[in-house]
Amino acid sequence: MTINMGAADRVIRLIVGTVLILAPVFDLFGMTASTPAIVASVIAGIVLVLTAFFRFCPLYRVVGASTCKR
């Protein structure tokens, strides 16, 4: 895996991912009645946090994009 994410991209992904993971816990978006919305939120949050942790985005690789400075 080649690093293809810059620092700003990582920080944004970590913040948004953490919010999406914690949203069902604190009922931030009123999702208590919708199980599919809770599952989708947590999965999306985990993906964002993992891509930030590994500094690699598979979608960036497919489209040939990179936000890191070389």
C-alpha atoms as a PDB file:
ATOM      1  CA  MET A   1       0.000   0.000   0.000  1.00  0.00           C
ATOM      2  CA  THR A   2       1.321   3.365  -1.013  1.00  0.00           C
ATOM      3  CA  ILE A   3       0.453   6.321   1.199  1.00  0.00           C
ATOM      4  CA  ASN A   4      -1.986   8.564  -0.668  1.00  0.00           C
ATOM      5  CA  MET A   5      -3.546  10.744   2.053  1.00  0.00           C
ATOM      6  CA  GLY A   6      -2.262  14.008   3.450  1.00  0.00           C
ATOM      7  CA  ALA A   7      -2.478  15.281   7.016  1.00  0.00           C
ATOM      8  CA  ALA A   8      -5.581  17.421   6.534  1.00  0.00           C
ATOM      9  CA  ASP A   9      -7.416  14.541   4.850  1.00  0.00           C
ATOM     10  CA  ARG A  10      -6.523  12.226   7.754  1.00  0.00           C
ATOM     11  CA  VAL A  11      -7.726  14.672  10.411  1.00  0.00           C
ATOM     12  CA  ILE A  12     -11.035  15.242   8.635  1.00  0.00           C
ATOM     13  CA  ARG A  13     -11.572  11.488   8.218  1.00  0.00           C
ATOM     14  CA  LEU A  14     -10.788  10.855  11.894  1.00  0.00           C
ATOM     15  CA  ILE A  15     -13.218  13.527  13.080  1.00  0.00           C
ATOM     16  CA  VAL A  16     -16.052  12.539  10.745  1.00  0.00           C
ATOM     17  CA  GLY A  17     -15.472   8.825  11.363  1.00  0.00           C
ATOM     18  CA  THR A  18     -15.530   9.266  15.132  1.00  0.00           C
ATOM     19  CA  VAL A  19     -18.734  11.304  14.937  1.00  0.00           C
ATOM     20  CA  LEU A  20     -20.371   8.633  12.768  1.00  0.00           C
ATOM     21  CA  ILE A  21     -19.355   5.862  15.174  1.00  0.00           C
ATOM     22  CA  LEU A  22     -20.561   7.761  18.239  1.00  0.00           C
ATOM     23  CA  ALA A  23     -23.743   9.174  16.653  1.00  0.00           C
ATOM     24  CA  PRO A  24     -25.942   6.179  17.548  1.00  0.00           C
ATOM     25  CA  VAL A  25     -24.604   6.111  21.114  1.00  0.00           C
ATOM     26  CA  PHE A  26     -25.557   9.712  21.783  1.00  0.00           C
ATOM     27  CA  ASP A  27     -28.501   9.739  19.336  1.00  0.00           C
ATOM     28  CA  LEU A  28     -27.011  12.700  17.477  1.00  0.00           C
ATOM     29  CA  PHE A  29     -29.150  12.289  14.368  1.00  0.00           C
ATOM     30  CA  GLY A  30     -32.306  10.768  15.886  1.00  0.00           C
ATOM     31  CA  MET A  31     -31.482   7.260  14.654  1.00  0.00           C
ATOM     32  CA  THR A  32     -32.773   5.219  17.608  1.00  0.00           C
ATOM     33  CA  ALA A  33     -35.665   3.706  15.633  1.00  0.00           C
ATOM     34  CA  SER A  34     -33.713   2.883  12.485  1.00  0.00           C
ATOM     35  CA  THR A  35     -31.377  -0.094  12.820  1.00  0.00           C
ATOM     36  CA  PRO A  36     -30.131   0.051   9.190  1.00  0.00           C
ATOM     37  CA  ALA A  37     -29.164   3.710   9.676  1.00  0.00           C
ATOM     38  CA  ILE A  38     -27.259   2.857  12.846  1.00  0.00           C
ATOM     39  CA  VAL A  39     -25.387   0.014  11.144  1.00  0.00           C
ATOM     40  CA  ALA A  40     -24.577   2.149   8.087  1.00  0.00           C
ATOM     41  CA  SER A  41     -23.323   4.988  10.273  1.00  0.00           C
ATOM     42  CA  VAL A  42     -21.034   2.745  12.296  1.00  0.00           C
ATOM     43  CA  ILE A  43     -19.668   0.940   9.223  1.00  0.00           C
ATOM     44  CA  ALA A  44     -18.971   4.224   7.416  1.00  0.00           C
ATOM     45  CA  GLY A  45     -17.272   5.575  10.532  1.00  0.00           C
ATOM     46  CA  ILE A  46     -15.072   2.502  10.884  1.00  0.00           C
ATOM     47  CA  VAL A  47     -14.034   2.710   7.228  1.00  0.00           C
ATOM     48  CA  LEU A  48     -13.117   6.393   7.594  1.00  0.00           C
ATOM     49  CA  VAL A  49     -11.110   5.802  10.769  1.00  0.00           C
ATOM     50  CA  LEU A  50      -9.269   2.816   9.262  1.00  0.00           C
ATOM     51  CA  THR A  51      -8.375   4.689   6.069  1.00  0.00           C
ATOM     52  CA  ALA A  52      -7.066   7.574   8.184  1.00  0.00           C
ATOM     53  CA  PHE A  53      -5.056   5.187  10.354  1.00  0.00           C
ATOM     54  CA  PHE A  54      -3.423   3.412   7.402  1.00  0.00           C
ATOM     55  CA  ARG A  55      -3.059   6.653   5.364  1.00  0.00           C
ATOM     56  CA  PHE A  56      -4.392   4.807   2.344  1.00  0.00           C
ATOM     57  CA  CYS A  57      -7.678   5.254   0.490  1.00  0.00           C
ATOM     58  CA  PRO A  58      -8.521   2.521  -2.043  1.00  0.00           C
ATOM     59  CA  LEU A  59     -10.836   4.863  -3.943  1.00  0.00           C
ATOM     60  CA  TYR A  60      -8.008   7.375  -4.376  1.00  0.00           C
ATOM     61  CA  ARG A  61      -5.904   4.607  -5.895  1.00  0.00           C
ATOM     62  CA  VAL A  62      -8.659   3.643  -8.368  1.00  0.00           C
ATOM     63  CA  VAL A  63      -9.059   7.215  -9.613  1.00  0.00           C
ATOM     64  CA  GLY A  64      -5.351   8.033  -9.375  1.00  0.00           C
ATOM     65  CA  ALA A  65      -5.756  10.770  -6.772  1.00  0.00           C
ATOM     66  CA  SER A  66      -3.503  11.653  -3.867  1.00  0.00           C
ATOM     67  CA  THR A  67      -3.705  14.343  -1.189  1.00  0.00           C
ATOM     68  CA  CYS A  68      -0.244  13.791   0.298  1.00  0.00           C
ATOM     69  CA  LYS A  69       2.716  15.970  -0.517  1.00  0.00           C
ATOM     70  CA  ARG A  70       5.588  14.095  -2.090  1.00  0.00           C
END
